[in-house]
Amino acid sequence: MAKSFWLGIIGGIFGIIGGILAIMIGGIGGAFDISGSFTVFGLGLIAILISIIGMAAGALSDQKIGGGILLSAAIGIFIAISLAGVLPAILFLIGGLIKYIQND
């Protein structure tokens, strides 16, 4: 298997974990009636969706499209869950650059 495939899978797993963490924080905030908790909950769901898309992009056979989607997923997950998304964003970024530049 290619390096970008594994970076996409591992980044997606960490992204899903970060999204679940954001959902839990949003749920706890909602239980205590803290403003903005629904936004955190929604961003956690978006982070999970972006992680799934990033995992699928690592498996694409088209190098340019897969690399572009992985790079977009890196930016999207970092915006969605900020600090919890640093590790998946770095993994998606490296995987996207490898997939876009090289033919692995």
PDB file of N, CA and C in Angstrom:
ATOM      1  N   MET A   1       0.825  -1.186   0.000  1.00  0.00           N
ATOM      2  CA  MET A   1       0.000   0.000   0.000  1.00  0.00           C
ATOM      3  C   MET A   1       0.873   1.255   0.000  1.00  0.00           C
ATOM      4  N   ALA A   2       0.314   2.317  -0.489  1.00  0.00           N
ATOM      5  CA  ALA A   2       1.045   3.573  -0.623  1.00  0.00           C
ATOM      6  C   ALA A   2       1.104   4.323   0.702  1.00  0.00           C
ATOM      7  N   LYS A   3       2.125   5.176   0.815  1.00  0.00           N
ATOM      8  CA  LYS A   3       2.295   5.972   2.036  1.00  0.00           C
ATOM      9  C   LYS A   3       1.124   6.923   2.249  1.00  0.00           C
ATOM     10  N   SER A   4       0.642   7.537   1.167  1.00  0.00           N
ATOM     11  CA  SER A   4      -0.464   8.482   1.304  1.00  0.00           C
ATOM     12  C   SER A   4      -1.745   7.790   1.753  1.00  0.00           C
ATOM     13  N   PHE A   5      -1.919   6.541   1.369  1.00  0.00           N
ATOM     14  CA  PHE A   5      -3.087   5.783   1.815  1.00  0.00           C
ATOM     15  C   PHE A   5      -3.060   5.631   3.331  1.00  0.00           C
ATOM     16  N   TRP A   6      -1.919   5.207   3.869  1.00  0.00           N
ATOM     17  CA  TRP A   6      -1.818   4.989   5.312  1.00  0.00           C
ATOM     18  C   TRP A   6      -1.875   6.301   6.088  1.00  0.00           C
ATOM     19  N   LEU A   7      -1.290   7.353   5.539  1.00  0.00           N
ATOM     20  CA  LEU A   7      -1.383   8.653   6.212  1.00  0.00           C
ATOM     21  C   LEU A   7      -2.830   9.141   6.232  1.00  0.00           C
ATOM     22  N   GLY A   8      -3.565   8.889   5.157  1.00  0.00           N
ATOM     23  CA  GLY A   8      -4.975   9.250   5.123  1.00  0.00           C
ATOM     24  C   GLY A   8      -5.803   8.457   6.121  1.00  0.00           C
ATOM     25  N   ILE A   9      -5.525   7.163   6.232  1.00  0.00           N
ATOM     26  CA  ILE A   9      -6.269   6.319   7.179  1.00  0.00           C
ATOM     27  C   ILE A   9      -5.974   6.729   8.618  1.00  0.00           C
ATOM     28  N   ILE A  10      -4.692   6.885   8.947  1.00  0.00           N
ATOM     29  CA  ILE A  10      -4.328   7.248  10.321  1.00  0.00           C
ATOM     30  C   ILE A  10      -4.827   8.650  10.658  1.00  0.00           C
ATOM     31  N   GLY A  11      -4.689   9.587   9.720  1.00  0.00           N
ATOM     32  CA  GLY A  11      -5.218  10.935   9.941  1.00  0.00           C
ATOM     33  C   GLY A  11      -6.720  10.932  10.121  1.00  0.00           C
ATOM     34  N   GLY A  12      -7.412  10.094   9.347  1.00  0.00           N
ATOM     35  CA  GLY A  12      -8.864   9.991   9.480  1.00  0.00           C
ATOM     36  C   GLY A  12      -9.283   9.428  10.822  1.00  0.00           C
ATOM     37  N   ILE A  13      -8.543   8.444  11.312  1.00  0.00           N
ATOM     38  CA  ILE A  13      -8.862   7.864  12.623  1.00  0.00           C
ATOM     39  C   ILE A  13      -8.693   8.915  13.717  1.00  0.00           C
ATOM     40  N   PHE A  14      -7.572   9.634  13.670  1.00  0.00           N
ATOM     41  CA  PHE A  14      -7.366  10.687  14.675  1.00  0.00           C
ATOM     42  C   PHE A  14      -8.377  11.826  14.513  1.00  0.00           C
ATOM     43  N   GLY A  15      -8.780  12.107  13.279  1.00  0.00           N
ATOM     44  CA  GLY A  15      -9.802  13.127  13.045  1.00  0.00           C
ATOM     45  C   GLY A  15     -11.153  12.722  13.600  1.00  0.00           C
ATOM     46  N   ILE A  16     -11.502  11.452  13.459  1.00  0.00           N
ATOM     47  CA  ILE A  16     -12.763  10.960  14.019  1.00  0.00           C
ATOM     48  C   ILE A  16     -12.723  11.025  15.541  1.00  0.00           C
ATOM     49  N   ILE A  17     -11.585  10.670  16.111  1.00  0.00           N
ATOM     50  CA  ILE A  17     -11.446  10.768  17.574  1.00  0.00           C
ATOM     51  C   ILE A  17     -11.584  12.219  18.021  1.00  0.00           C
ATOM     52  N   GLY A  18     -10.950  13.150  17.296  1.00  0.00           N
ATOM     53  CA  GLY A  18     -11.080  14.571  17.631  1.00  0.00           C
ATOM     54  C   GLY A  18     -12.497  15.075  17.459  1.00  0.00           C
ATOM     55  N   GLY A  19     -13.195  14.580  16.426  1.00  0.00           N
ATOM     56  CA  GLY A  19     -14.589  14.973  16.224  1.00  0.00           C
ATOM     57  C   GLY A  19     -15.492  14.454  17.331  1.00  0.00           C
ATOM     58  N   ILE A  20     -15.247  13.227  17.773  1.00  0.00           N
ATOM     59  CA  ILE A  20     -16.026  12.675  18.886  1.00  0.00           C
ATOM     60  C   ILE A  20     -15.756  13.467  20.158  1.00  0.00           C
ATOM     61  N   LEU A  21     -14.516  13.864  20.348  1.00  0.00           N
ATOM     62  CA  LEU A  21     -14.172  14.697  21.506  1.00  0.00           C
ATOM     63  C   LEU A  21     -14.913  16.030  21.451  1.00  0.00           C
ATOM     64  N   ALA A  22     -14.966  16.646  20.268  1.00  0.00           N
ATOM     65  CA  ALA A  22     -15.695  17.909  20.126  1.00  0.00           C
ATOM     66  C   ALA A  22     -17.190  17.718  20.357  1.00  0.00           C
ATOM     67  N   ILE A  23     -17.745  16.607  19.887  1.00  0.00           N
ATOM     68  CA  ILE A  23     -19.166  16.325  20.120  1.00  0.00           C
ATOM     69  C   ILE A  23     -19.436  16.164  21.617  1.00  0.00           C
ATOM     70  N   MET A  24     -18.536  15.467  22.307  1.00  0.00           N
ATOM     71  CA  MET A  24     -18.714  15.286  23.754  1.00  0.00           C
ATOM     72  C   MET A  24     -18.628  16.624  24.484  1.00  0.00           C
ATOM     73  N   ILE A  25     -17.694  17.466  24.102  1.00  0.00           N
ATOM     74  CA  ILE A  25     -17.570  18.775  24.745  1.00  0.00           C
ATOM     75  C   ILE A  25     -18.808  19.623  24.462  1.00  0.00           C
ATOM     76  N   GLY A  26     -19.299  19.565  23.208  1.00  0.00           N
ATOM     77  CA  GLY A  26     -20.518  20.298  22.879  1.00  0.00           C
ATOM     78  C   GLY A  26     -21.733  19.776  23.640  1.00  0.00           C
ATOM     79  N   GLY A  27     -21.794  18.460  23.833  1.00  0.00           N
ATOM     80  CA  GLY A  27     -22.905  17.873  24.595  1.00  0.00           C
ATOM     81  C   GLY A  27     -22.859  18.254  26.063  1.00  0.00           C
ATOM     82  N   ILE A  28     -21.668  18.240  26.615  1.00  0.00           N
ATOM     83  CA  ILE A  28     -21.529  18.647  28.021  1.00  0.00           C
ATOM     84  C   ILE A  28     -21.867  20.120  28.180  1.00  0.00           C
ATOM     85  N   GLY A  29     -21.419  20.931  27.223  1.00  0.00           N
ATOM     86  CA  GLY A  29     -21.756  22.350  27.269  1.00  0.00           C
ATOM     87  C   GLY A  29     -23.243  22.591  27.135  1.00  0.00           C
ATOM     88  N   GLY A  30     -23.898  21.785  26.300  1.00  0.00           N
ATOM     89  CA  GLY A  30     -25.351  21.902  26.155  1.00  0.00           C
ATOM     90  C   GLY A  30     -26.083  21.494  27.416  1.00  0.00           C
ATOM     91  N   ALA A  31     -25.551  20.507  28.132  1.00  0.00           N
ATOM     92  CA  ALA A  31     -26.187  20.069  29.371  1.00  0.00           C
ATOM     93  C   ALA A  31     -26.129  21.156  30.435  1.00  0.00           C
ATOM     94  N   PHE A  32     -25.074  21.962  30.389  1.00  0.00           N
ATOM     95  CA  PHE A  32     -24.939  23.063  31.347  1.00  0.00           C
ATOM     96  C   PHE A  32     -25.428  24.393  30.778  1.00  0.00           C
ATOM     97  N   ASP A  33     -26.086  24.323  29.628  1.00  0.00           N
ATOM     98  CA  ASP A  33     -26.686  25.490  28.973  1.00  0.00           C
ATOM     99  C   ASP A  33     -25.655  26.589  28.712  1.00  0.00           C
ATOM    100  N   ILE A  34     -24.509  26.209  28.168  1.00  0.00           N
ATOM    101  CA  ILE A  34     -23.456  27.157  27.817  1.00  0.00           C
ATOM    102  C   ILE A  34     -23.675  27.588  26.370  1.00  0.00           C
ATOM    103  N   SER A  35     -23.601  28.888  26.124  1.00  0.00           N
ATOM    104  CA  SER A  35     -23.829  29.374  24.766  1.00  0.00           C
ATOM    105  C   SER A  35     -22.698  28.932  23.842  1.00  0.00           C
ATOM    106  N   GLY A  36     -23.031  28.608  22.622  1.00  0.00           N
ATOM    107  CA  GLY A  36     -22.061  28.164  21.637  1.00  0.00           C
ATOM    108  C   GLY A  36     -21.778  26.682  21.660  1.00  0.00           C
ATOM    109  N   SER A  37     -22.411  25.953  22.565  1.00  0.00           N
ATOM    110  CA  SER A  37     -22.135  24.518  22.650  1.00  0.00           C
ATOM    111  C   SER A  37     -22.684  23.769  21.439  1.00  0.00           C
ATOM    112  N   PHE A  38     -23.782  24.245  20.861  1.00  0.00           N
ATOM    113  CA  PHE A  38     -24.323  23.597  19.673  1.00  0.00           C
ATOM    114  C   PHE A  38     -23.380  23.768  18.485  1.00  0.00           C
ATOM    115  N   THR A  39     -22.696  24.903  18.432  1.00  0.00           N
ATOM    116  CA  THR A  39     -21.710  25.133  17.373  1.00  0.00           C
ATOM    117  C   THR A  39     -20.559  24.147  17.475  1.00  0.00           C
ATOM    118  N   VAL A  40     -20.077  23.904  18.682  1.00  0.00           N
ATOM    119  CA  VAL A  40     -18.995  22.940  18.891  1.00  0.00           C
ATOM    120  C   VAL A  40     -19.466  21.544  18.501  1.00  0.00           C
ATOM    121  N   PHE A  41     -20.698  21.216  18.848  1.00  0.00           N
ATOM    122  CA  PHE A  41     -21.276  19.923  18.475  1.00  0.00           C
ATOM    123  C   PHE A  41     -21.316  19.772  16.952  1.00  0.00           C
ATOM    124  N   GLY A  42     -21.790  20.803  16.269  1.00  0.00           N
ATOM    125  CA  GLY A  42     -21.868  20.769  14.813  1.00  0.00           C
ATOM    126  C   GLY A  42     -20.507  20.679  14.148  1.00  0.00           C
ATOM    127  N   LEU A  43     -19.533  21.395  14.685  1.00  0.00           N
ATOM    128  CA  LEU A  43     -18.187  21.329  14.129  1.00  0.00           C
ATOM    129  C   LEU A  43     -17.557  19.952  14.345  1.00  0.00           C
ATOM    130  N   GLY A  44     -17.922  19.282  15.419  1.00  0.00           N
ATOM    131  CA  GLY A  44     -17.463  17.907  15.631  1.00  0.00           C
ATOM    132  C   GLY A  44     -18.017  16.971  14.572  1.00  0.00           C
ATOM    133  N   LEU A  45     -19.288  17.146  14.226  1.00  0.00           N
ATOM    134  CA  LEU A  45     -19.885  16.336  13.158  1.00  0.00           C
ATOM    135  C   LEU A  45     -19.221  16.616  11.811  1.00  0.00           C
ATOM    136  N   ILE A  46     -18.938  17.882  11.552  1.00  0.00           N
ATOM    137  CA  ILE A  46     -18.256  18.246  10.310  1.00  0.00           C
ATOM    138  C   ILE A  46     -16.863  17.644  10.270  1.00  0.00           C
ATOM    139  N   ALA A  47     -16.165  17.631  11.405  1.00  0.00           N
ATOM    140  CA  ALA A  47     -14.824  17.058  11.468  1.00  0.00           C
ATOM    141  C   ALA A  47     -14.860  15.559  11.162  1.00  0.00           C
ATOM    142  N   ILE A  48     -15.872  14.866  11.644  1.00  0.00           N
ATOM    143  CA  ILE A  48     -15.995  13.440  11.338  1.00  0.00           C
ATOM    144  C   ILE A  48     -16.243  13.238   9.851  1.00  0.00           C
ATOM    145  N   LEU A  49     -17.087  14.052   9.256  1.00  0.00           N
ATOM    146  CA  LEU A  49     -17.358  13.956   7.818  1.00  0.00           C
ATOM    147  C   LEU A  49     -16.091  14.236   7.009  1.00  0.00           C
ATOM    148  N   ILE A  50     -15.350  15.271   7.376  1.00  0.00           N
ATOM    149  CA  ILE A  50     -14.099  15.591   6.680  1.00  0.00           C
ATOM    150  C   ILE A  50     -13.097  14.460   6.839  1.00  0.00           C
ATOM    151  N   SER A  51     -13.048  13.836   7.999  1.00  0.00           N
ATOM    152  CA  SER A  51     -12.123  12.724   8.227  1.00  0.00           C
ATOM    153  C   SER A  51     -12.456  11.543   7.320  1.00  0.00           C
ATOM    154  N   ILE A  52     -13.734  11.248   7.165  1.00  0.00           N
ATOM    155  CA  ILE A  52     -14.144  10.157   6.286  1.00  0.00           C
ATOM    156  C   ILE A  52     -13.786  10.477   4.837  1.00  0.00           C
ATOM    157  N   ILE A  53     -13.991  11.715   4.432  1.00  0.00           N
ATOM    158  CA  ILE A  53     -13.623  12.122   3.075  1.00  0.00           C
ATOM    159  C   ILE A  53     -12.112  12.028   2.876  1.00  0.00           C
ATOM    160  N   GLY A  54     -11.333  12.431   3.884  1.00  0.00           N
ATOM    161  CA  GLY A  54      -9.881  12.332   3.800  1.00  0.00           C
ATOM    162  C   GLY A  54      -9.401  10.898   3.725  1.00  0.00           C
ATOM    163  N   MET A  55     -10.059  10.016   4.454  1.00  0.00           N
ATOM    164  CA  MET A  55      -9.698   8.595   4.385  1.00  0.00           C
ATOM    165  C   MET A  55      -9.967   8.034   2.993  1.00  0.00           C
ATOM    166  N   ALA A  56     -11.078   8.429   2.400  1.00  0.00           N
ATOM    167  CA  ALA A  56     -11.410   7.950   1.058  1.00  0.00           C
ATOM    168  C   ALA A  56     -10.470   8.553   0.015  1.00  0.00           C
ATOM    169  N   ALA A  57     -10.040   9.787   0.220  1.00  0.00           N
ATOM    170  CA  ALA A  57      -9.147  10.442  -0.739  1.00  0.00           C
ATOM    171  C   ALA A  57      -7.783   9.778  -0.778  1.00  0.00           C
ATOM    172  N   GLY A  58      -7.335   9.235   0.340  1.00  0.00           N
ATOM    173  CA  GLY A  58      -6.059   8.533   0.352  1.00  0.00           C
ATOM    174  C   GLY A  58      -6.077   7.285  -0.490  1.00  0.00           C
ATOM    175  N   ALA A  59      -7.253   6.728  -0.721  1.00  0.00           N
ATOM    176  CA  ALA A  59      -7.375   5.501  -1.499  1.00  0.00           C
ATOM    177  C   ALA A  59      -7.654   5.744  -2.981  1.00  0.00           C
ATOM    178  N   LEU A  60      -7.842   6.997  -3.366  1.00  0.00           N
ATOM    179  CA  LEU A  60      -8.127   7.284  -4.778  1.00  0.00           C
ATOM    180  C   LEU A  60      -6.921   6.977  -5.653  1.00  0.00           C
ATOM    181  N   SER A  61      -7.185   6.491  -6.848  1.00  0.00           N
ATOM    182  CA  SER A  61      -6.085   6.164  -7.755  1.00  0.00           C
ATOM    183  C   SER A  61      -5.580   7.390  -8.509  1.00  0.00           C
ATOM    184  N   ASP A  62      -6.427   8.400  -8.706  1.00  0.00           N
ATOM    185  CA  ASP A  62      -6.000   9.622  -9.377  1.00  0.00           C
ATOM    186  C   ASP A  62      -5.162  10.459  -8.408  1.00  0.00           C
ATOM    187  N   GLN A  63      -3.901  10.665  -8.752  1.00  0.00           N
ATOM    188  CA  GLN A  63      -2.958  11.309  -7.845  1.00  0.00           C
ATOM    189  C   GLN A  63      -3.319  12.772  -7.585  1.00  0.00           C
ATOM    190  N   LYS A  64      -3.660  13.526  -8.605  1.00  0.00           N
ATOM    191  CA  LYS A  64      -3.917  14.961  -8.446  1.00  0.00           C
ATOM    192  C   LYS A  64      -5.207  15.213  -7.664  1.00  0.00           C
ATOM    193  N   ILE A  65      -6.255  14.493  -7.979  1.00  0.00           N
ATOM    194  CA  ILE A  65      -7.533  14.698  -7.286  1.00  0.00           C
ATOM    195  C   ILE A  65      -7.428  14.236  -5.840  1.00  0.00           C
ATOM    196  N   GLY A  66      -6.849  13.051  -5.619  1.00  0.00           N
ATOM    197  CA  GLY A  66      -6.690  12.544  -4.256  1.00  0.00           C
ATOM    198  C   GLY A  66      -5.822  13.451  -3.405  1.00  0.00           C
ATOM    199  N   GLY A  67      -4.732  13.944  -3.982  1.00  0.00           N
ATOM    200  CA  GLY A  67      -3.855  14.855  -3.250  1.00  0.00           C
ATOM    201  C   GLY A  67      -4.548  16.167  -2.930  1.00  0.00           C
ATOM    202  N   GLY A  68      -5.313  16.680  -3.875  1.00  0.00           N
ATOM    203  CA  GLY A  68      -6.048  17.926  -3.633  1.00  0.00           C
ATOM    204  C   GLY A  68      -7.104  17.778  -2.550  1.00  0.00           C
ATOM    205  N   ILE A  69      -7.791  16.648  -2.554  1.00  0.00           N
ATOM    206  CA  ILE A  69      -8.805  16.412  -1.525  1.00  0.00           C
ATOM    207  C   ILE A  69      -8.150  16.249  -0.153  1.00  0.00           C
ATOM    208  N   LEU A  70      -7.017  15.549  -0.102  1.00  0.00           N
ATOM    209  CA  LEU A  70      -6.306  15.398   1.178  1.00  0.00           C
ATOM    210  C   LEU A  70      -5.825  16.753   1.699  1.00  0.00           C
ATOM    211  N   LEU A  71      -5.320  17.604   0.820  1.00  0.00           N
ATOM    212  CA  LEU A  71      -4.895  18.943   1.243  1.00  0.00           C
ATOM    213  C   LEU A  71      -6.084  19.769   1.728  1.00  0.00           C
ATOM    214  N   SER A  72      -7.215  19.653   1.039  1.00  0.00           N
ATOM    215  CA  SER A  72      -8.425  20.366   1.466  1.00  0.00           C
ATOM    216  C   SER A  72      -8.930  19.831   2.802  1.00  0.00           C
ATOM    217  N   ALA A  73      -8.831  18.515   2.993  1.00  0.00           N
ATOM    218  CA  ALA A  73      -9.252  17.920   4.266  1.00  0.00           C
ATOM    219  C   ALA A  73      -8.362  18.392   5.404  1.00  0.00           C
ATOM    220  N   ALA A  74      -7.077  18.589   5.126  1.00  0.00           N
ATOM    221  CA  ALA A  74      -6.169  19.087   6.159  1.00  0.00           C
ATOM    222  C   ALA A  74      -6.587  20.477   6.621  1.00  0.00           C
ATOM    223  N   ILE A  75      -6.910  21.335   5.679  1.00  0.00           N
ATOM    224  CA  ILE A  75      -7.342  22.695   6.027  1.00  0.00           C
ATOM    225  C   ILE A  75      -8.696  22.658   6.729  1.00  0.00           C
ATOM    226  N   GLY A  76      -9.622  21.863   6.197  1.00  0.00           N
ATOM    227  CA  GLY A  76     -10.973  21.799   6.760  1.00  0.00           C
ATOM    228  C   GLY A  76     -11.007  21.262   8.176  1.00  0.00           C
ATOM    229  N   ILE A  77     -10.237  20.221   8.450  1.00  0.00           N
ATOM    230  CA  ILE A  77     -10.282  19.643   9.793  1.00  0.00           C
ATOM    231  C   ILE A  77      -9.605  20.565  10.799  1.00  0.00           C
ATOM    232  N   PHE A  78      -8.588  21.290  10.355  1.00  0.00           N
ATOM    233  CA  PHE A  78      -7.947  22.241  11.263  1.00  0.00           C
ATOM    234  C   PHE A  78      -8.889  23.391  11.591  1.00  0.00           C
ATOM    235  N   ILE A  79      -9.646  23.840  10.621  1.00  0.00           N
ATOM    236  CA  ILE A  79     -10.612  24.907  10.874  1.00  0.00           C
ATOM    237  C   ILE A  79     -11.748  24.405  11.762  1.00  0.00           C
ATOM    238  N   ALA A  80     -12.202  23.182  11.534  1.00  0.00           N
ATOM    239  CA  ALA A  80     -13.359  22.662  12.264  1.00  0.00           C
ATOM    240  C   ALA A  80     -13.067  22.449  13.742  1.00  0.00           C
ATOM    241  N   ILE A  81     -11.978  21.765  14.071  1.00  0.00           N
ATOM    242  CA  ILE A  81     -11.765  21.430  15.481  1.00  0.00           C
ATOM    243  C   ILE A  81     -10.439  21.942  16.030  1.00  0.00           C
ATOM    244  N   SER A  82      -9.850  22.898  15.376  1.00  0.00           N
ATOM    245  CA  SER A  82      -8.659  23.624  15.823  1.00  0.00           C
ATOM    246  C   SER A  82      -7.594  22.752  16.467  1.00  0.00           C
ATOM    247  N   LEU A  83      -7.406  22.870  17.767  1.00  0.00           N
ATOM    248  CA  LEU A  83      -6.296  22.195  18.441  1.00  0.00           C
ATOM    249  C   LEU A  83      -6.429  20.676  18.394  1.00  0.00           C
ATOM    250  N   ALA A  84      -7.629  20.156  18.477  1.00  0.00           N
ATOM    251  CA  ALA A  84      -7.822  18.706  18.393  1.00  0.00           C
ATOM    252  C   ALA A  84      -7.584  18.196  16.979  1.00  0.00           C
ATOM    253  N   GLY A  85      -7.528  19.097  16.010  1.00  0.00           N
ATOM    254  CA  GLY A  85      -7.327  18.696  14.633  1.00  0.00           C
ATOM    255  C   GLY A  85      -5.923  18.908  14.110  1.00  0.00           C
ATOM    256  N   VAL A  86      -4.974  19.239  14.982  1.00  0.00           N
ATOM    257  CA  VAL A  86      -3.604  19.494  14.521  1.00  0.00           C
ATOM    258  C   VAL A  86      -2.966  18.224  13.977  1.00  0.00           C
ATOM    259  N   LEU A  87      -3.031  17.129  14.724  1.00  0.00           N
ATOM    260  CA  LEU A  87      -2.406  15.884  14.283  1.00  0.00           C
ATOM    261  C   LEU A  87      -3.033  15.350  12.995  1.00  0.00           C
ATOM    262  N   PRO A  88      -4.367  15.249  12.893  1.00  0.00           N
ATOM    263  CA  PRO A  88      -4.925  14.791  11.624  1.00  0.00           C
ATOM    264  C   PRO A  88      -4.621  15.754  10.471  1.00  0.00           C
ATOM    265  N   ALA A  89      -4.593  17.055  10.753  1.00  0.00           N
ATOM    266  CA  ALA A  89      -4.292  18.016   9.693  1.00  0.00           C
ATOM    267  C   ALA A  89      -2.872  17.826   9.173  1.00  0.00           C
ATOM    268  N   ILE A  90      -1.916  17.593  10.070  1.00  0.00           N
ATOM    269  CA  ILE A  90      -0.533  17.357   9.649  1.00  0.00           C
ATOM    270  C   ILE A  90      -0.440  16.066   8.834  1.00  0.00           C
ATOM    271  N   LEU A  91      -1.106  15.015   9.290  1.00  0.00           N
ATOM    272  CA  LEU A  91      -1.070  13.749   8.557  1.00  0.00           C
ATOM    273  C   LEU A  91      -1.730  13.877   7.182  1.00  0.00           C
ATOM    274  N   PHE A  92      -2.870  14.562   7.108  1.00  0.00           N
ATOM    275  CA  PHE A  92      -3.523  14.791   5.820  1.00  0.00           C
ATOM    276  C   PHE A  92      -2.652  15.653   4.916  1.00  0.00           C
ATOM    277  N   LEU A  93      -2.000  16.655   5.484  1.00  0.00           N
ATOM    278  CA  LEU A  93      -1.146  17.542   4.703  1.00  0.00           C
ATOM    279  C   LEU A  93       0.038  16.790   4.099  1.00  0.00           C
ATOM    280  N   ILE A  94       0.718  16.008   4.911  1.00  0.00           N
ATOM    281  CA  ILE A  94       1.859  15.240   4.411  1.00  0.00           C
ATOM    282  C   ILE A  94       1.398  14.210   3.377  1.00  0.00           C
ATOM    283  N   GLY A  95       0.312  13.506   3.671  1.00  0.00           N
ATOM    284  CA  GLY A  95      -0.221  12.528   2.725  1.00  0.00           C
ATOM    285  C   GLY A  95      -0.659  13.176   1.419  1.00  0.00           C
ATOM    286  N   GLY A  96      -1.278  14.347   1.512  1.00  0.00           N
ATOM    287  CA  GLY A  96      -1.710  15.051   0.310  1.00  0.00           C
ATOM    288  C   GLY A  96      -0.544  15.526  -0.536  1.00  0.00           C
ATOM    289  N   LEU A  97       0.504  16.027   0.121  1.00  0.00           N
ATOM    290  CA  LEU A  97       1.681  16.463  -0.624  1.00  0.00           C
ATOM    291  C   LEU A  97       2.376  15.286  -1.300  1.00  0.00           C
ATOM    292  N   ILE A  98       2.500  14.180  -0.579  1.00  0.00           N
ATOM    293  CA  ILE A  98       3.121  12.983  -1.167  1.00  0.00           C
ATOM    294  C   ILE A  98       2.299  12.502  -2.359  1.00  0.00           C
ATOM    295  N   LYS A  99       0.989  12.451  -2.194  1.00  0.00           N
ATOM    296  CA  LYS A  99       0.125  11.943  -3.258  1.00  0.00           C
ATOM    297  C   LYS A  99       0.116  12.900  -4.453  1.00  0.00           C
ATOM    298  N   TYR A 100       0.133  14.199  -4.195  1.00  0.00           N
ATOM    299  CA  TYR A 100       0.062  15.188  -5.267  1.00  0.00           C
ATOM    300  C   TYR A 100       1.367  15.289  -6.049  1.00  0.00           C
ATOM    301  N   ILE A 101       2.495  15.228  -5.351  1.00  0.00           N
ATOM    302  CA  ILE A 101       3.796  15.435  -5.993  1.00  0.00           C
ATOM    303  C   ILE A 101       4.339  14.152  -6.600  1.00  0.00           C
ATOM    304  N   GLN A 102       4.285  13.062  -5.847  1.00  0.00           N
ATOM    305  CA  GLN A 102       4.882  11.812  -6.308  1.00  0.00           C
ATOM    306  C   GLN A 102       3.831  10.854  -6.834  1.00  0.00           C
ATOM    307  N   ASN A 103       4.301   9.891  -7.541  1.00  0.00           N
ATOM    308  CA  ASN A 103       3.459   8.774  -7.954  1.00  0.00           C
ATOM    309  C   ASN A 103       3.822   7.588  -7.093  1.00  0.00           C
ATOM    310  N   ASP A 104       3.214   7.507  -5.913  1.00  0.00           N
ATOM    311  CA  ASP A 104       3.554   6.402  -5.010  1.00  0.00           C
ATOM    312  C   ASP A 104       2.663   5.269  -5.281  1.00  0.00           C
TER     313      ASP A 104
END
